[in-house]
Amino acid sequence: MEFVVYRCVKDPDYFLITNAENAAALSGSECPNGGELERLGEFSELGEDRVAFNEDIAKSAIRKQGYYRIEAKSFDPVAAAEPDVLP
């Protein structure tokens, strides 16, 4: 399976993963706060080497509902971190 990966623009820690057959039906309404989707690309299966998500769970969710949604906490930890203040 080729995974098509989108990121929720309003909620950048959320990603929607689908396949080519379901990509056209996907919309930002699947994001927690709605909004637009940013297409990140297409990626082949890597099996056990993939660390970002479990491909078997993703494929099962895509078959059942057309997409798999994951949350990647602290996707942008530098921007979210409070700056250090020197005394």
Protein backbone atom coordinates (compact mmCIF):
# COMPACT_ATOMS: atom_id res chain seq x y z
CA MET A 1 0.00 0.00 0.00
CA GLU A 2 1.12 3.55 -0.71
CA PHE A 3 0.24 5.81 2.21
CA VAL A 4 -0.84 9.37 1.43
CA VAL A 5 -0.08 11.62 4.42
CA TYR A 6 -1.75 14.93 5.29
CA ARG A 7 -1.24 17.30 8.20
CA CYS A 8 -4.05 19.33 9.79
CA VAL A 9 -3.20 23.01 9.30
CA LYS A 10 -5.06 24.23 12.42
CA ASP A 11 -3.80 21.32 14.51
CA PRO A 12 -0.25 20.65 13.24
CA ASP A 13 0.31 17.76 15.65
CA TYR A 14 -2.42 15.74 13.87
CA PHE A 15 -1.81 13.72 10.74
CA LEU A 16 -4.28 11.89 8.51
CA ILE A 17 -3.01 8.87 6.65
CA THR A 18 -4.94 7.33 3.79
CA ASN A 19 -4.36 5.71 0.40
CA ALA A 20 -4.84 6.96 -3.18
CA GLU A 21 -8.34 5.45 -3.41
CA ASN A 22 -9.59 7.42 -0.39
CA ALA A 23 -7.54 10.62 -0.69
CA ALA A 24 -10.14 12.56 -2.72
CA ALA A 25 -12.82 11.98 -0.07
CA LEU A 26 -10.64 13.18 2.80
CA SER A 27 -11.33 16.64 4.20
CA GLY A 28 -10.30 18.83 7.10
CA SER A 29 -13.49 17.86 8.93
CA GLU A 30 -11.56 14.83 10.24
CA CYS A 31 -9.18 17.22 12.05
CA PRO A 32 -10.02 18.06 15.69
CA ASN A 33 -10.79 21.72 14.87
CA GLY A 34 -11.63 21.37 11.19
CA GLY A 35 -9.76 23.45 8.67
CA GLU A 36 -7.55 22.66 5.73
CA LEU A 37 -5.24 19.74 5.07
CA GLU A 38 -1.63 20.05 3.94
CA ARG A 39 -0.51 17.16 1.75
CA LEU A 40 2.92 15.97 2.85
CA GLY A 41 3.48 13.19 0.33
CA GLU A 42 3.16 9.53 -0.53
CA PHE A 43 5.15 6.85 1.23
CA SER A 44 5.57 3.12 0.61
CA GLU A 45 5.23 0.51 3.30
CA LEU A 46 8.43 -0.12 5.24
CA GLY A 47 7.19 -2.87 7.53
CA GLU A 48 8.88 -3.10 10.90
CA ASP A 49 11.39 -0.37 9.98
CA ARG A 50 8.77 2.38 10.19
CA VAL A 51 8.82 4.15 13.54
CA ALA A 52 6.24 6.90 13.00
CA PHE A 53 3.16 4.65 13.17
CA ASN A 54 2.04 1.03 13.07
CA GLU A 55 1.30 0.20 9.44
CA ASP A 56 -1.02 -2.70 10.29
CA ILE A 57 -3.23 -0.45 12.44
CA ALA A 58 -3.16 2.25 9.75
CA LYS A 59 -4.18 -0.19 6.99
CA SER A 60 -7.01 -1.57 9.12
CA ALA A 61 -8.34 1.94 9.86
CA ILE A 62 -8.09 2.93 6.19
CA ARG A 63 -10.10 -0.15 5.19
CA LYS A 64 -12.76 0.60 7.83
CA GLN A 65 -13.15 4.40 7.63
CA GLY A 66 -10.94 5.61 4.77
CA TYR A 67 -8.21 7.19 6.91
CA TYR A 68 -6.08 6.81 10.03
CA ARG A 69 -5.53 9.83 12.31
CA ILE A 70 -2.54 10.10 14.60
CA GLU A 71 -1.31 12.76 16.96
CA ALA A 72 2.41 13.46 17.13
CA LYS A 73 2.88 15.33 20.39
CA SER A 74 5.46 18.10 20.23
CA PHE A 75 5.86 17.99 16.45
CA ASP A 76 7.54 21.39 16.71
CA PRO A 77 9.14 21.37 20.17
CA VAL A 78 11.45 24.33 19.51
CA ALA A 79 8.60 26.70 18.66
CA ALA A 80 6.53 25.47 21.62
CA ALA A 81 9.30 25.70 24.21
CA GLU A 82 9.49 28.71 26.50
CA PRO A 83 12.70 30.67 25.96
CA ASP A 84 15.27 30.58 28.73
CA VAL A 85 15.56 33.86 30.58
CA LEU A 86 18.97 34.76 31.90
CA PRO A 87 19.10 36.57 35.26
